[in-house]
Amino acid sequence: MKIVMYLIFLVILLIVSLSFREGFQSGQFSYLAPSPPAVLDASTEASFIDAFNKSAGVIFPNSKIDPSDTKKMTDIKKYATSDEINYYIQNKKWPYNSYIMNYLNTNKETLLKQLEQLKIYSLEDLQRCFPTRMFYAAFIYAKESSISPKPLSNDIFTGKQPPPVEPTSDTPTSDSSTSDSSTSDSSTIHPPFSSENYSKLQSICSTLK
């Protein structure tokens, strides 16, 4: 009986653990809205640099971060929230919301062909390199910005609309509380990457040099 109870406890522990790891992905548009640059303490920043160098740095050696190079971290903080950065420290990949995950699954074959130019051969490696807003800017923005009327995801990305309130309270959310007020020019954000020109993806990596 003790063995059975012990096994049940392990199963429950495993479920809780997996729910925590994947919880960031359950919000449909989490981390898609504009947000202020992430604010990190020295310990968190050092932990992120170590995690990033051991994960994304393996795929793009030139993207490895020298702790003395403040520009790299400044660029990363523009694209990722502190929640995302803390998730990366724990999981060695960026948290993707369900909208992005659905896009990846639906367009997997096409994406992988495009990613060969960057020597990325799996969607898992892609998730190790690009946070949500950077991914959207590179692969989705150009297509959705040409649609009329524009989809909600595009309006959230440009700051024209706040993300919808998630139905559950236990799902971690992004630092997108600023998207409903944001700055006066949040609706005129012009992402520097185009999904029609994949050579520009090289510039994503160069921002981390």
Protein backbone atom coordinates (compact mmCIF):
# COMPACT_ATOMS: atom_id res chain seq x y z
CA MET A 1 0.00 0.00 0.00
CA LYS A 2 2.85 2.35 0.83
CA ILE A 3 4.38 1.67 -2.57
CA VAL A 4 1.10 2.51 -4.32
CA MET A 5 0.75 5.76 -2.37
CA TYR A 6 4.34 6.63 -3.17
CA LEU A 7 3.76 6.05 -6.88
CA ILE A 8 0.62 8.18 -6.81
CA PHE A 9 2.60 10.95 -5.12
CA LEU A 10 5.28 10.76 -7.83
CA VAL A 11 2.67 10.98 -10.59
CA ILE A 12 1.08 14.03 -8.99
CA LEU A 13 4.50 15.63 -8.56
CA LEU A 14 5.31 14.99 -12.21
CA ILE A 15 2.04 16.53 -13.38
CA VAL A 16 2.58 19.62 -11.26
CA SER A 17 6.13 19.94 -12.54
CA LEU A 18 5.10 19.69 -16.19
CA SER A 19 2.27 22.14 -15.67
CA PHE A 20 4.72 24.67 -14.27
CA ARG A 21 7.18 24.24 -17.13
CA GLU A 22 4.59 24.52 -19.87
CA GLY A 23 2.23 26.97 -18.17
CA PHE A 24 3.70 29.93 -20.01
CA GLN A 25 2.46 28.53 -23.33
CA SER A 26 -1.20 28.28 -22.38
CA GLY A 27 -2.01 31.98 -22.80
CA GLN A 28 -3.11 32.57 -26.39
CA PHE A 29 -1.24 35.86 -26.89
CA SER A 30 1.16 35.97 -23.95
CA TYR A 31 4.32 38.03 -24.53
CA LEU A 32 3.10 39.35 -27.89
CA ALA A 33 2.25 42.89 -26.74
CA PRO A 34 4.86 45.66 -26.51
CA SER A 35 6.33 46.15 -23.06
CA PRO A 36 9.01 48.32 -21.44
CA PRO A 37 12.56 46.93 -21.47
CA ALA A 38 12.98 44.14 -18.93
CA VAL A 39 14.57 45.10 -15.62
CA LEU A 40 16.89 42.43 -14.19
CA ASP A 41 19.07 42.24 -11.12
CA ALA A 42 22.71 41.28 -11.55
CA SER A 43 22.18 37.67 -10.48
CA THR A 44 19.30 37.08 -12.89
CA GLU A 45 21.18 38.68 -15.75
CA ALA A 46 24.25 36.52 -15.09
CA SER A 47 22.09 33.38 -14.96
CA PHE A 48 20.41 34.29 -18.23
CA ILE A 49 23.71 34.93 -19.99
CA ASP A 50 24.97 31.54 -18.86
CA ALA A 51 21.77 29.79 -20.00
CA PHE A 52 21.65 31.63 -23.32
CA ASN A 53 25.28 30.90 -24.16
CA LYS A 54 24.78 27.21 -23.44
CA SER A 55 21.58 27.00 -25.47
CA ALA A 56 21.23 29.55 -28.28
CA GLY A 57 24.99 30.08 -28.30
CA VAL A 58 25.47 26.49 -29.41
CA ILE A 59 23.36 27.14 -32.50
CA PHE A 60 24.72 30.64 -33.20
CA PRO A 61 28.22 30.87 -31.68
CA ASN A 62 28.45 34.55 -32.62
CA SER A 63 25.37 35.27 -30.54
CA LYS A 64 27.09 34.29 -27.30
CA ILE A 65 26.92 37.09 -24.79
CA ASP A 66 30.00 38.59 -23.20
CA PRO A 67 28.91 39.88 -19.77
CA SER A 68 30.88 43.05 -20.42
CA ASP A 69 28.92 43.75 -23.61
CA THR A 70 25.93 45.72 -22.35
CA LYS A 71 24.50 46.26 -25.85
CA LYS A 72 23.61 42.59 -26.24
CA MET A 73 21.58 42.50 -23.06
CA THR A 74 19.99 45.85 -23.87
CA ASP A 75 18.78 44.43 -27.19
CA ILE A 76 17.43 41.28 -25.57
CA LYS A 77 15.57 43.28 -22.92
CA LYS A 78 13.79 45.18 -25.69
CA TYR A 79 12.29 41.97 -27.04
CA ALA A 80 11.72 39.88 -23.93
CA THR A 81 10.06 40.48 -20.59
CA SER A 82 11.57 39.52 -17.25
CA ASP A 83 9.09 36.61 -17.05
CA GLU A 84 10.37 35.26 -20.36
CA ILE A 85 13.98 35.67 -19.29
CA ASN A 86 13.36 33.82 -16.03
CA TYR A 87 11.61 31.05 -17.96
CA TYR A 88 14.64 30.82 -20.27
CA ILE A 89 16.96 30.43 -17.30
CA GLN A 90 14.96 27.42 -16.10
CA ASN A 91 14.19 25.80 -19.46
CA LYS A 92 16.92 26.94 -21.90
CA LYS A 93 14.26 28.08 -24.37
CA TRP A 94 11.79 30.92 -24.74
CA PRO A 95 8.16 30.48 -23.69
CA TYR A 96 5.83 30.54 -26.69
CA ASN A 97 2.13 31.25 -26.37
CA SER A 98 -0.51 29.00 -27.91
CA TYR A 99 -0.92 31.30 -30.93
CA ILE A 100 2.76 30.92 -31.82
CA MET A 101 2.76 27.19 -31.06
CA ASN A 102 -0.23 26.67 -33.36
CA TYR A 103 1.55 28.62 -36.09
CA LEU A 104 4.65 26.46 -35.66
CA ASN A 105 2.68 23.23 -35.86
CA THR A 106 0.62 24.35 -38.85
CA ASN A 107 3.60 25.67 -40.84
CA LYS A 108 6.29 23.29 -39.61
CA GLU A 109 7.38 22.00 -43.02
CA THR A 110 7.63 25.45 -44.60
CA LEU A 111 9.40 26.92 -41.60
CA LEU A 112 12.03 24.23 -41.47
CA LYS A 113 12.88 24.79 -45.14
CA GLN A 114 13.31 28.50 -44.46
CA LEU A 115 15.36 27.89 -41.33
CA GLU A 116 17.91 25.78 -43.20
CA GLN A 117 19.45 29.08 -44.32
CA LEU A 118 20.31 29.74 -40.68
CA LYS A 119 21.36 26.15 -40.05
CA ILE A 120 18.41 25.59 -37.75
CA TYR A 121 16.98 22.15 -38.27
CA SER A 122 14.23 21.87 -35.69
CA LEU A 123 11.48 24.02 -34.21
CA GLU A 124 12.97 23.29 -30.79
CA ASP A 125 16.19 25.02 -31.83
CA LEU A 126 14.17 27.94 -33.12
CA GLN A 127 12.59 28.30 -29.69
CA ARG A 128 16.01 28.38 -28.11
CA CYS A 129 16.95 31.44 -30.17
CA PHE A 130 14.03 33.82 -30.67
CA PRO A 131 11.60 35.20 -28.06
CA THR A 132 7.93 35.58 -28.96
CA ARG A 133 7.94 39.15 -30.29
CA MET A 134 11.08 38.55 -32.32
CA PHE A 135 9.59 35.39 -33.82
CA TYR A 136 6.34 37.15 -34.70
CA ALA A 137 8.22 40.06 -36.29
CA ALA A 138 10.35 37.75 -38.42
CA PHE A 139 7.81 35.17 -39.55
CA ILE A 140 4.26 36.45 -39.14
CA TYR A 141 4.09 40.25 -39.09
CA ALA A 142 4.44 40.92 -42.83
CA LYS A 143 1.69 38.44 -43.71
CA GLU A 144 -0.78 39.57 -41.07
CA SER A 145 -0.16 43.29 -41.54
CA SER A 146 -1.31 42.97 -45.16
CA ILE A 147 -4.67 41.48 -44.16
CA SER A 148 -7.73 43.73 -43.96
CA PRO A 149 -9.05 43.88 -41.36
CA LYS A 150 -5.91 42.99 -39.45
CA PRO A 151 -6.19 40.06 -37.05
CA LEU A 152 -6.19 40.58 -33.29
CA SER A 153 -2.66 39.18 -33.02
CA ASN A 154 -1.36 41.99 -35.22
CA ASP A 155 -3.16 44.65 -33.20
CA ILE A 156 -1.74 43.19 -29.99
CA PHE A 157 1.77 43.09 -31.41
CA THR A 158 1.63 46.73 -32.48
CA GLY A 159 0.03 47.82 -29.22
CA LYS A 160 -3.28 48.90 -30.76
CA GLN A 161 -5.21 46.48 -28.57
CA PRO A 162 -4.40 44.82 -25.25
CA PRO A 163 -4.33 41.02 -25.10
CA PRO A 164 -7.61 39.46 -23.94
CA VAL A 165 -7.90 38.48 -20.30
CA GLU A 166 -7.08 34.81 -19.89
CA PRO A 167 -9.87 32.64 -18.42
CA THR A 168 -7.67 30.97 -15.79
CA SER A 169 -5.84 32.70 -12.97
CA ASP A 170 -3.05 30.15 -12.61
CA THR A 171 -1.54 30.76 -16.02
CA PRO A 172 1.55 32.94 -15.90
CA THR A 173 1.11 36.04 -18.03
CA SER A 174 3.43 38.46 -19.70
CA ASP A 175 4.39 41.95 -18.63
CA SER A 176 1.82 43.22 -21.11
CA SER A 177 -0.06 45.33 -18.60
CA THR A 178 1.46 48.32 -20.33
CA SER A 179 -0.10 47.43 -23.65
CA ASP A 180 -3.43 48.95 -22.75
CA SER A 181 -1.92 52.33 -22.05
CA SER A 182 1.62 51.93 -23.39
CA THR A 183 3.35 54.91 -24.93
CA SER A 184 1.81 57.33 -27.35
CA ASP A 185 3.71 55.85 -30.30
CA SER A 186 3.00 52.18 -29.51
CA SER A 187 0.58 51.95 -32.43
CA THR A 188 3.25 52.97 -34.91
CA ILE A 189 5.85 50.33 -34.14
CA HIS A 190 7.62 49.19 -37.28
CA PRO A 191 9.26 45.79 -36.74
CA PRO A 192 12.69 45.59 -38.38
CA PHE A 193 12.21 42.07 -39.73
CA SER A 194 10.12 40.82 -42.65
CA SER A 195 8.85 37.31 -43.17
CA GLU A 196 9.26 37.99 -46.90
CA ASN A 197 13.00 38.44 -46.61
CA TYR A 198 14.60 35.69 -44.59
CA SER A 199 18.10 37.01 -45.10
CA LYS A 200 17.12 39.68 -42.61
CA LEU A 201 16.94 36.98 -39.96
CA GLN A 202 20.71 37.29 -39.87
CA SER A 203 20.18 40.76 -38.43
CA ILE A 204 18.32 39.21 -35.51
CA CYS A 205 21.47 37.39 -34.55
CA SER A 206 23.67 40.39 -35.26
CA THR A 207 21.74 42.38 -32.65
CA LEU A 208 23.09 39.93 -30.12
CA LYS A 209 26.70 40.25 -31.22
